[in-house]
Amino acid sequence: MSKPLSLKLQDRVYEEAEEILRKSRKTRNAYFNEAINLYNKLWKRKLLKRALAAESVLVAADSMELLETFERLEDELAE
């Protein structure tokens, strides 16, 4: 299903898109759908990166504690 959309592009952006459309022979609709889809993927990755960084901070102390525990076990086994 498709949704109609009205948008205003800056002149430069519009001209660049039109030039690419002439060369690629894609429809304007297909071109903008592909562009927005790629931009959405980029933003999903950025948001995931932010979430992972925040979660990493939350578990950093526990991770260090666990690492120290494993190191002690490894030292005990080596003896």
PDB file of N, CA and C in Angstrom:
ATOM      1  N   MET A   1       0.841  -1.173   0.000  1.00  0.00           N
ATOM      2  CA  MET A   1       0.000   0.000   0.000  1.00  0.00           C
ATOM      3  C   MET A   1       0.885   1.233   0.000  1.00  0.00           C
ATOM      4  N   SER A   2       0.498   2.233  -0.704  1.00  0.00           N
ATOM      5  CA  SER A   2       1.255   3.484  -0.791  1.00  0.00           C
ATOM      6  C   SER A   2       0.462   4.633  -0.209  1.00  0.00           C
ATOM      7  N   LYS A   3       1.183   5.592   0.305  1.00  0.00           N
ATOM      8  CA  LYS A   3       0.575   6.795   0.866  1.00  0.00           C
ATOM      9  C   LYS A   3       1.007   7.990   0.027  1.00  0.00           C
ATOM     10  N   PRO A   4       0.080   8.851  -0.334  1.00  0.00           N
ATOM     11  CA  PRO A   4       0.477  10.051  -1.070  1.00  0.00           C
ATOM     12  C   PRO A   4       1.241  11.002  -0.157  1.00  0.00           C
ATOM     13  N   LEU A   5       2.175  11.737  -0.747  1.00  0.00           N
ATOM     14  CA  LEU A   5       3.015  12.625   0.040  1.00  0.00           C
ATOM     15  C   LEU A   5       3.307  13.877  -0.778  1.00  0.00           C
ATOM     16  N   SER A   6       3.219  14.999  -0.134  1.00  0.00           N
ATOM     17  CA  SER A   6       3.580  16.260  -0.764  1.00  0.00           C
ATOM     18  C   SER A   6       4.774  16.810  -0.004  1.00  0.00           C
ATOM     19  N   LEU A   7       5.826  17.194  -0.737  1.00  0.00           N
ATOM     20  CA  LEU A   7       6.987  17.743  -0.050  1.00  0.00           C
ATOM     21  C   LEU A   7       7.618  18.833  -0.892  1.00  0.00           C
ATOM     22  N   LYS A   8       8.363  19.684  -0.224  1.00  0.00           N
ATOM     23  CA  LYS A   8       9.074  20.756  -0.902  1.00  0.00           C
ATOM     24  C   LYS A   8      10.564  20.464  -0.794  1.00  0.00           C
ATOM     25  N   LEU A   9      11.228  20.458  -1.941  1.00  0.00           N
ATOM     26  CA  LEU A   9      12.665  20.226  -1.976  1.00  0.00           C
ATOM     27  C   LEU A   9      13.375  21.535  -2.257  1.00  0.00           C
ATOM     28  N   GLN A  10      14.560  21.664  -1.706  1.00  0.00           N
ATOM     29  CA  GLN A  10      15.398  22.800  -2.061  1.00  0.00           C
ATOM     30  C   GLN A  10      15.727  22.684  -3.546  1.00  0.00           C
ATOM     31  N   ASP A  11      15.888  23.815  -4.202  1.00  0.00           N
ATOM     32  CA  ASP A  11      16.145  23.810  -5.645  1.00  0.00           C
ATOM     33  C   ASP A  11      17.328  22.922  -6.011  1.00  0.00           C
ATOM     34  N   ARG A  12      18.419  23.047  -5.268  1.00  0.00           N
ATOM     35  CA  ARG A  12      19.623  22.260  -5.563  1.00  0.00           C
ATOM     36  C   ARG A  12      19.348  20.768  -5.447  1.00  0.00           C
ATOM     37  N   VAL A  13      18.657  20.369  -4.406  1.00  0.00           N
ATOM     38  CA  VAL A  13      18.340  18.952  -4.192  1.00  0.00           C
ATOM     39  C   VAL A  13      17.449  18.444  -5.325  1.00  0.00           C
ATOM     40  N   TYR A  14      16.474  19.239  -5.699  1.00  0.00           N
ATOM     41  CA  TYR A  14      15.564  18.864  -6.774  1.00  0.00           C
ATOM     42  C   TYR A  14      16.311  18.696  -8.102  1.00  0.00           C
ATOM     43  N   GLU A  15      17.172  19.648  -8.426  1.00  0.00           N
ATOM     44  CA  GLU A  15      17.918  19.586  -9.690  1.00  0.00           C
ATOM     45  C   GLU A  15      18.841  18.364  -9.725  1.00  0.00           C
ATOM     46  N   GLU A  16      19.511  18.086  -8.612  1.00  0.00           N
ATOM     47  CA  GLU A  16      20.382  16.903  -8.556  1.00  0.00           C
ATOM     48  C   GLU A  16      19.572  15.631  -8.745  1.00  0.00           C
ATOM     49  N   ALA A  17      18.430  15.564  -8.096  1.00  0.00           N
ATOM     50  CA  ALA A  17      17.575  14.380  -8.226  1.00  0.00           C
ATOM     51  C   ALA A  17      17.093  14.222  -9.663  1.00  0.00           C
ATOM     52  N   GLU A  18      16.698  15.317 -10.272  1.00  0.00           N
ATOM     53  CA  GLU A  18      16.221  15.258 -11.657  1.00  0.00           C
ATOM     54  C   GLU A  18      17.319  14.801 -12.612  1.00  0.00           C
ATOM     55  N   GLU A  19      18.542  15.275 -12.385  1.00  0.00           N
ATOM     56  CA  GLU A  19      19.667  14.852 -13.232  1.00  0.00           C
ATOM     57  C   GLU A  19      19.917  13.354 -13.084  1.00  0.00           C
ATOM     58  N   ILE A  20      19.895  12.881 -11.861  1.00  0.00           N
ATOM     59  CA  ILE A  20      20.095  11.445 -11.615  1.00  0.00           C
ATOM     60  C   ILE A  20      18.955  10.643 -12.229  1.00  0.00           C
ATOM     61  N   LEU A  21      17.749  11.132 -12.095  1.00  0.00           N
ATOM     62  CA  LEU A  21      16.601  10.428 -12.674  1.00  0.00           C
ATOM     63  C   LEU A  21      16.719  10.313 -14.191  1.00  0.00           C
ATOM     64  N   ARG A  22      17.172  11.356 -14.849  1.00  0.00           N
ATOM     65  CA  ARG A  22      17.343  11.302 -16.304  1.00  0.00           C
ATOM     66  C   ARG A  22      18.370  10.238 -16.682  1.00  0.00           C
ATOM     67  N   LYS A  23      19.447  10.164 -15.922  1.00  0.00           N
ATOM     68  CA  LYS A  23      20.519   9.212 -16.233  1.00  0.00           C
ATOM     69  C   LYS A  23      20.162   7.780 -15.852  1.00  0.00           C
ATOM     70  N   SER A  24      19.411   7.618 -14.783  1.00  0.00           N
ATOM     71  CA  SER A  24      19.098   6.271 -14.291  1.00  0.00           C
ATOM     72  C   SER A  24      17.849   5.691 -14.918  1.00  0.00           C
ATOM     73  N   ARG A  25      17.022   6.555 -15.473  1.00  0.00           N
ATOM     74  CA  ARG A  25      15.751   6.151 -16.081  1.00  0.00           C
ATOM     75  C   ARG A  25      14.813   5.484 -15.071  1.00  0.00           C
ATOM     76  N   LYS A  26      14.931   5.883 -13.833  1.00  0.00           N
ATOM     77  CA  LYS A  26      14.007   5.424 -12.797  1.00  0.00           C
ATOM     78  C   LYS A  26      12.847   6.405 -12.737  1.00  0.00           C
ATOM     79  N   THR A  27      11.746   5.931 -12.225  1.00  0.00           N
ATOM     80  CA  THR A  27      10.643   6.857 -11.993  1.00  0.00           C
ATOM     81  C   THR A  27      10.971   7.693 -10.759  1.00  0.00           C
ATOM     82  N   ARG A  28      10.414   8.874 -10.701  1.00  0.00           N
ATOM     83  CA  ARG A  28      10.635   9.758  -9.551  1.00  0.00           C
ATOM     84  C   ARG A  28      10.165   9.063  -8.277  1.00  0.00           C
ATOM     85  N   ASN A  29       9.028   8.421  -8.352  1.00  0.00           N
ATOM     86  CA  ASN A  29       8.474   7.732  -7.184  1.00  0.00           C
ATOM     87  C   ASN A  29       9.421   6.630  -6.700  1.00  0.00           C
ATOM     88  N   ALA A  30       9.939   5.817  -7.618  1.00  0.00           N
ATOM     89  CA  ALA A  30      10.850   4.735  -7.241  1.00  0.00           C
ATOM     90  C   ALA A  30      12.137   5.299  -6.641  1.00  0.00           C
ATOM     91  N   TYR A  31      12.639   6.363  -7.246  1.00  0.00           N
ATOM     92  CA  TYR A  31      13.870   6.985  -6.768  1.00  0.00           C
ATOM     93  C   TYR A  31      13.718   7.491  -5.332  1.00  0.00           C
ATOM     94  N   PHE A  32      12.653   8.230  -5.067  1.00  0.00           N
ATOM     95  CA  PHE A  32      12.466   8.781  -3.723  1.00  0.00           C
ATOM     96  C   PHE A  32      12.135   7.689  -2.710  1.00  0.00           C
ATOM     97  N   ASN A  33      11.419   6.659  -3.111  1.00  0.00           N
ATOM     98  CA  ASN A  33      11.178   5.533  -2.204  1.00  0.00           C
ATOM     99  C   ASN A  33      12.494   4.871  -1.815  1.00  0.00           C
ATOM    100  N   GLU A  34      13.362   4.650  -2.802  1.00  0.00           N
ATOM    101  CA  GLU A  34      14.658   4.026  -2.530  1.00  0.00           C
ATOM    102  C   GLU A  34      15.512   4.926  -1.636  1.00  0.00           C
ATOM    103  N   ALA A  35      15.517   6.222  -1.927  1.00  0.00           N
ATOM    104  CA  ALA A  35      16.316   7.161  -1.136  1.00  0.00           C
ATOM    105  C   ALA A  35      15.849   7.208   0.316  1.00  0.00           C
ATOM    106  N   ILE A  36      14.555   7.285   0.509  1.00  0.00           N
ATOM    107  CA  ILE A  36      14.022   7.351   1.881  1.00  0.00           C
ATOM    108  C   ILE A  36      14.255   6.036   2.606  1.00  0.00           C
ATOM    109  N   ASN A  37      14.130   4.921   1.900  1.00  0.00           N
ATOM    110  CA  ASN A  37      14.397   3.617   2.505  1.00  0.00           C
ATOM    111  C   ASN A  37      15.852   3.538   2.984  1.00  0.00           C
ATOM    112  N   LEU A  38      16.801   3.982   2.150  1.00  0.00           N
ATOM    113  CA  LEU A  38      18.209   3.975   2.549  1.00  0.00           C
ATOM    114  C   LEU A  38      18.454   4.901   3.737  1.00  0.00           C
ATOM    115  N   TYR A  39      17.833   6.061   3.730  1.00  0.00           N
ATOM    116  CA  TYR A  39      17.992   6.998   4.838  1.00  0.00           C
ATOM    117  C   TYR A  39      17.399   6.430   6.131  1.00  0.00           C
ATOM    118  N   ASN A  40      16.274   5.748   6.027  1.00  0.00           N
ATOM    119  CA  ASN A  40      15.681   5.096   7.198  1.00  0.00           C
ATOM    120  C   ASN A  40      16.625   4.044   7.769  1.00  0.00           C
ATOM    121  N   LYS A  41      17.260   3.266   6.904  1.00  0.00           N
ATOM    122  CA  LYS A  41      18.211   2.251   7.366  1.00  0.00           C
ATOM    123  C   LYS A  41      19.395   2.900   8.069  1.00  0.00           C
ATOM    124  N   LEU A  42      19.881   4.006   7.498  1.00  0.00           N
ATOM    125  CA  LEU A  42      20.982   4.729   8.125  1.00  0.00           C
ATOM    126  C   LEU A  42      20.600   5.178   9.527  1.00  0.00           C
ATOM    127  N   TRP A  43      19.406   5.754   9.686  1.00  0.00           N
ATOM    128  CA  TRP A  43      18.971   6.234  11.005  1.00  0.00           C
ATOM    129  C   TRP A  43      18.726   5.089  11.979  1.00  0.00           C
ATOM    130  N   LYS A  44      18.234   3.954  11.487  1.00  0.00           N
ATOM    131  CA  LYS A  44      18.059   2.800  12.379  1.00  0.00           C
ATOM    132  C   LYS A  44      19.410   2.356  12.927  1.00  0.00           C
ATOM    133  N   ARG A  45      20.439   2.355  12.073  1.00  0.00           N
ATOM    134  CA  ARG A  45      21.780   1.978  12.515  1.00  0.00           C
ATOM    135  C   ARG A  45      22.320   2.980  13.543  1.00  0.00           C
ATOM    136  N   LYS A  46      22.106   4.285  13.297  1.00  0.00           N
ATOM    137  CA  LYS A  46      22.564   5.308  14.243  1.00  0.00           C
ATOM    138  C   LYS A  46      21.871   5.145  15.584  1.00  0.00           C
ATOM    139  N   LEU A  47      20.562   4.901  15.561  1.00  0.00           N
ATOM    140  CA  LEU A  47      19.822   4.737  16.813  1.00  0.00           C
ATOM    141  C   LEU A  47      20.256   3.474  17.549  1.00  0.00           C
ATOM    142  N   LEU A  48      20.520   2.400  16.808  1.00  0.00           N
ATOM    143  CA  LEU A  48      21.005   1.172  17.427  1.00  0.00           C
ATOM    144  C   LEU A  48      22.381   1.397  18.055  1.00  0.00           C
ATOM    145  N   LYS A  49      23.242   2.122  17.351  1.00  0.00           N
ATOM    146  CA  LYS A  49      24.578   2.423  17.886  1.00  0.00           C
ATOM    147  C   LYS A  49      24.475   3.185  19.202  1.00  0.00           C
ATOM    148  N   ARG A  50      23.580   4.176  19.238  1.00  0.00           N
ATOM    149  CA  ARG A  50      23.370   4.943  20.475  1.00  0.00           C
ATOM    150  C   ARG A  50      22.869   4.043  21.606  1.00  0.00           C
ATOM    151  N   ALA A  51      21.914   3.181  21.289  1.00  0.00           N
ATOM    152  CA  ALA A  51      21.341   2.298  22.314  1.00  0.00           C
ATOM    153  C   ALA A  51      22.396   1.330  22.833  1.00  0.00           C
ATOM    154  N   LEU A  52      23.196   0.767  21.923  1.00  0.00           N
ATOM    155  CA  LEU A  52      24.245  -0.170  22.354  1.00  0.00           C
ATOM    156  C   LEU A  52      25.296   0.527  23.195  1.00  0.00           C
ATOM    157  N   ALA A  53      25.645   1.752  22.838  1.00  0.00           N
ATOM    158  CA  ALA A  53      26.631   2.505  23.631  1.00  0.00           C
ATOM    159  C   ALA A  53      26.093   2.775  25.028  1.00  0.00           C
ATOM    160  N   ALA A  54      24.824   3.146  25.121  1.00  0.00           N
ATOM    161  CA  ALA A  54      24.216   3.413  26.429  1.00  0.00           C
ATOM    162  C   ALA A  54      24.146   2.141  27.267  1.00  0.00           C
ATOM    163  N   GLU A  55      23.779   1.039  26.646  1.00  0.00           N
ATOM    164  CA  GLU A  55      23.699  -0.232  27.375  1.00  0.00           C
ATOM    165  C   GLU A  55      25.080  -0.720  27.781  1.00  0.00           C
ATOM    166  N   SER A  56      26.066  -0.460  26.951  1.00  0.00           N
ATOM    167  CA  SER A  56      27.429  -0.855  27.270  1.00  0.00           C
ATOM    168  C   SER A  56      27.917  -0.155  28.536  1.00  0.00           C
ATOM    169  N   VAL A  57      27.581   1.116  28.671  1.00  0.00           N
ATOM    170  CA  VAL A  57      27.942   1.864  29.874  1.00  0.00           C
ATOM    171  C   VAL A  57      27.275   1.238  31.104  1.00  0.00           C
ATOM    172  N   LEU A  58      26.028   0.806  30.942  1.00  0.00           N
ATOM    173  CA  LEU A  58      25.290   0.241  32.075  1.00  0.00           C
ATOM    174  C   LEU A  58      25.888  -1.071  32.568  1.00  0.00           C
ATOM    175  N   VAL A  59      26.474  -1.861  31.670  1.00  0.00           N
ATOM    176  CA  VAL A  59      26.992  -3.174  32.074  1.00  0.00           C
ATOM    177  C   VAL A  59      28.513  -3.205  32.205  1.00  0.00           C
ATOM    178  N   ALA A  60      29.173  -2.071  32.006  1.00  0.00           N
ATOM    179  CA  ALA A  60      30.638  -2.045  32.024  1.00  0.00           C
ATOM    180  C   ALA A  60      31.213  -2.561  33.340  1.00  0.00           C
ATOM    181  N   ALA A  61      30.677  -2.124  34.456  1.00  0.00           N
ATOM    182  CA  ALA A  61      31.205  -2.555  35.762  1.00  0.00           C
ATOM    183  C   ALA A  61      31.010  -4.049  35.950  1.00  0.00           C
ATOM    184  N   ASP A  62      29.847  -4.559  35.596  1.00  0.00           N
ATOM    185  CA  ASP A  62      29.602  -6.005  35.713  1.00  0.00           C
ATOM    186  C   ASP A  62      30.533  -6.795  34.810  1.00  0.00           C
ATOM    187  N   SER A  63      30.789  -6.286  33.623  1.00  0.00           N
ATOM    188  CA  SER A  63      31.687  -6.969  32.693  1.00  0.00           C
ATOM    189  C   SER A  63      33.100  -7.040  33.253  1.00  0.00           C
ATOM    190  N   MET A  64      33.577  -5.945  33.847  1.00  0.00           N
ATOM    191  CA  MET A  64      34.912  -5.950  34.439  1.00  0.00           C
ATOM    192  C   MET A  64      34.987  -6.913  35.617  1.00  0.00           C
ATOM    193  N   GLU A  65      33.952  -6.958  36.419  1.00  0.00           N
ATOM    194  CA  GLU A  65      33.914  -7.884  37.553  1.00  0.00           C
ATOM    195  C   GLU A  65      33.961  -9.325  37.070  1.00  0.00           C
ATOM    196  N   LEU A  66      33.210  -9.620  36.036  1.00  0.00           N
ATOM    197  CA  LEU A  66      33.188 -10.975  35.482  1.00  0.00           C
ATOM    198  C   LEU A  66      34.548 -11.332  34.895  1.00  0.00           C
ATOM    199  N   LEU A  67      35.175 -10.399  34.205  1.00  0.00           N
ATOM    200  CA  LEU A  67      36.500 -10.635  33.644  1.00  0.00           C
ATOM    201  C   LEU A  67      37.509 -10.936  34.742  1.00  0.00           C
ATOM    202  N   GLU A  68      37.462 -10.189  35.829  1.00  0.00           N
ATOM    203  CA  GLU A  68      38.378 -10.429  36.946  1.00  0.00           C
ATOM    204  C   GLU A  68      38.140 -11.799  37.559  1.00  0.00           C
ATOM    205  N   THR A  69      36.877 -12.202  37.652  1.00  0.00           N
ATOM    206  CA  THR A  69      36.548 -13.528  38.176  1.00  0.00           C
ATOM    207  C   THR A  69      37.139 -14.619  37.292  1.00  0.00           C
ATOM    208  N   PHE A  70      36.979 -14.471  35.975  1.00  0.00           N
ATOM    209  CA  PHE A  70      37.542 -15.463  35.050  1.00  0.00           C
ATOM    210  C   PHE A  70      39.063 -15.494  35.124  1.00  0.00           C
ATOM    211  N   GLU A  71      39.703 -14.344  35.291  1.00  0.00           N
ATOM    212  CA  GLU A  71      41.145 -14.300  35.407  1.00  0.00           C
ATOM    213  C   GLU A  71      41.624 -15.012  36.668  1.00  0.00           C
ATOM    214  N   ARG A  72      40.903 -14.809  37.780  1.00  0.00           N
ATOM    215  CA  ARG A  72      41.255 -15.517  39.019  1.00  0.00           C
ATOM    216  C   ARG A  72      41.105 -17.018  38.847  1.00  0.00           C
ATOM    217  N   LEU A  73      40.028 -17.449  38.204  1.00  0.00           N
ATOM    218  CA  LEU A  73      39.826 -18.885  37.953  1.00  0.00           C
ATOM    219  C   LEU A  73      40.939 -19.446  37.068  1.00  0.00           C
ATOM    220  N   GLU A  74      41.304 -18.710  36.067  1.00  0.00           N
ATOM    221  CA  GLU A  74      42.358 -19.143  35.177  1.00  0.00           C
ATOM    222  C   GLU A  74      43.684 -19.270  35.930  1.00  0.00           C
ATOM    223  N   ASP A  75      43.957 -18.300  36.813  1.00  0.00           N
ATOM    224  CA  ASP A  75      45.196 -18.355  37.609  1.00  0.00           C
ATOM    225  C   ASP A  75      45.163 -19.558  38.557  1.00  0.00           C
ATOM    226  N   GLU A  76      43.999 -19.841  39.154  1.00  0.00           N
ATOM    227  CA  GLU A  76      43.892 -20.980  40.065  1.00  0.00           C
ATOM    228  C   GLU A  76      44.077 -22.283  39.317  1.00  0.00           C
ATOM    229  N   LEU A  77      43.573 -22.392  38.127  1.00  0.00           N
ATOM    230  CA  LEU A  77      43.724 -23.614  37.342  1.00  0.00           C
ATOM    231  C   LEU A  77      45.166 -23.811  36.882  1.00  0.00           C
ATOM    232  N   ALA A  78      45.881 -22.734  36.673  1.00  0.00           N
ATOM    233  CA  ALA A  78      47.279 -22.821  36.211  1.00  0.00           C
ATOM    234  C   ALA A  78      48.206 -23.294  37.339  1.00  0.00           C
ATOM    235  N   GLU A  79      47.789 -23.131  38.582  1.00  0.00           N
ATOM    236  CA  GLU A  79      48.641 -23.504  39.723  1.00  0.00           C
ATOM    237  C   GLU A  79      48.711 -24.971  39.914  1.00  0.00           C
TER     238      GLU A  79
END
